[in-house]
């Protein structure tokens, strides 16, 4: 039997509220959720972002790894669709290895420091 094609992609999600300072998250999500969000079909709900991580300065914060309370998380985050401004699809190898930031798949974006 042929292996089923993966229905998830790596994404960067930019949010505009409810974040307490964190505005860009990365992780994996279902392609169908991206399509439904882009078509305006998702209302009053959240989408699941798996293996969530974000950049803090030169460092990476990965849910489920690291020190303190962050290591207690499963790595999944649920983001309200009304808080999402943009969703960027990333390359398939977009998960950080050894908590070392790789910027090979990050391109300059207007307004981002």
Protein backbone atom coordinates (compact mmCIF):
# COMPACT_ATOMS: atom_id res chain seq x y z
CA UNK A 1 0.00 0.00 0.00
CA UNK A 2 1.34 3.43 -0.93
CA UNK A 3 2.07 5.80 1.93
CA UNK A 4 -0.56 8.51 2.32
CA UNK A 5 0.73 11.95 1.35
CA UNK A 6 1.24 14.21 4.35
CA UNK A 7 -1.64 16.64 4.78
CA UNK A 8 0.30 19.00 7.06
CA UNK A 9 2.75 21.77 6.20
CA UNK A 10 5.19 23.94 8.14
CA UNK A 11 3.90 27.49 8.54
CA UNK A 12 4.67 30.82 10.12
CA UNK A 13 1.59 32.45 11.63
CA UNK A 14 1.53 36.16 12.42
CA UNK A 15 -1.06 37.23 14.96
CA UNK A 16 -2.24 40.69 15.90
CA UNK A 17 -3.77 40.37 19.37
CA UNK A 18 -4.04 38.22 22.50
CA UNK A 19 -0.30 37.48 22.38
CA UNK A 20 1.32 39.47 25.18
CA UNK A 21 4.24 40.42 22.93
CA UNK A 22 4.73 37.28 20.84
CA UNK A 23 3.42 37.94 17.37
CA UNK A 24 5.01 35.24 15.19
CA UNK A 25 4.64 31.51 15.77
CA UNK A 26 5.94 28.62 13.68
CA UNK A 27 4.73 25.05 13.53
CA UNK A 28 2.82 22.48 11.49
CA UNK A 29 -0.83 22.67 10.55
CA UNK A 30 -3.31 20.90 8.31
CA UNK A 31 -3.50 22.17 4.73
CA UNK A 32 -7.31 22.07 4.98
CA UNK A 33 -7.18 24.55 7.89
CA UNK A 34 -5.07 26.98 5.84
CA UNK A 35 -7.49 26.71 2.92
CA UNK A 36 -10.55 27.16 5.14
CA UNK A 37 -8.94 30.19 6.86
CA UNK A 38 -7.98 31.79 3.55
CA UNK A 39 -11.53 31.27 2.21
CA UNK A 40 -13.07 32.89 5.30
CA UNK A 41 -14.82 29.65 6.27
CA UNK A 42 -13.46 29.54 9.83
CA UNK A 43 -15.37 31.77 12.24
CA UNK A 44 -15.32 31.89 16.03
CA UNK A 45 -12.89 28.99 16.44
CA UNK A 46 -9.21 28.11 16.73
CA UNK A 47 -6.71 26.24 14.60
CA UNK A 48 -4.11 23.80 15.89
CA UNK A 49 -0.43 24.59 15.39
CA UNK A 50 1.76 21.54 16.15
CA UNK A 51 5.41 21.59 17.27
CA UNK A 52 5.13 25.29 18.06
CA UNK A 53 8.22 27.46 18.33
CA UNK A 54 9.16 31.12 18.00
CA UNK A 55 12.24 33.30 17.97
CA UNK A 56 13.20 35.50 20.91
CA UNK A 57 16.08 37.65 19.75
CA UNK A 58 18.80 35.23 18.67
CA UNK A 59 17.25 32.28 20.52
CA UNK A 60 14.45 29.83 19.81
CA UNK A 61 11.69 28.96 22.28
CA UNK A 62 10.34 25.50 21.50
CA UNK A 63 7.30 24.26 23.41
CA UNK A 64 8.05 20.94 25.05
CA UNK A 65 11.81 21.58 25.27
CA UNK A 66 14.02 23.88 27.22
CA UNK A 67 14.03 24.99 30.82
CA UNK A 68 11.32 26.00 33.24
CA UNK A 69 7.63 25.65 32.47
CA UNK A 70 8.07 25.45 28.70
CA UNK A 71 9.27 21.84 28.98
CA UNK A 72 5.86 20.85 30.42
CA UNK A 73 3.96 21.73 27.24
CA UNK A 74 3.11 19.20 24.54
CA UNK A 75 4.25 21.45 21.71
CA UNK A 76 0.73 22.11 20.37
CA UNK A 77 -0.85 25.55 20.37
CA UNK A 78 -4.38 26.62 19.46
CA UNK A 79 -4.66 30.05 17.84
CA UNK A 80 -7.93 31.92 17.44
CA UNK A 81 -8.63 32.53 13.77
CA UNK A 82 -9.74 36.12 14.39
CA UNK A 83 -6.23 36.89 15.71
CA UNK A 84 -4.41 35.64 12.59
CA UNK A 85 -3.13 38.28 10.17
CA UNK A 86 -0.92 36.19 7.87
CA UNK A 87 0.03 32.57 7.29
CA UNK A 88 3.24 31.77 5.42
CA UNK A 89 3.93 28.24 4.18
CA UNK A 90 7.53 27.24 4.93
CA UNK A 91 9.93 24.64 3.60
CA UNK A 92 9.49 21.10 4.89
CA UNK A 93 12.71 21.22 6.94
CA UNK A 94 11.62 24.19 9.04
CA UNK A 95 11.86 22.64 12.51
CA UNK A 96 14.93 23.82 14.46
CA UNK A 97 17.52 21.14 15.23
CA UNK A 98 19.44 21.26 18.51
CA UNK A 99 17.72 24.56 19.32
CA UNK A 100 20.07 26.33 16.92
CA UNK A 101 18.35 28.93 14.80
CA UNK A 102 18.57 28.32 11.08
CA UNK A 103 17.70 31.31 8.95
CA UNK A 104 18.11 29.56 5.59
CA UNK A 105 14.34 29.61 5.02
CA UNK A 106 13.68 33.09 6.42
CA UNK A 107 13.56 35.99 4.02
CA UNK A 108 13.45 39.67 5.03
CA UNK A 109 9.88 40.82 5.53
CA UNK A 110 8.88 44.52 5.57
CA UNK A 111 8.48 45.81 9.09
CA UNK A 112 10.11 42.83 10.78
CA UNK A 113 13.26 43.40 12.80
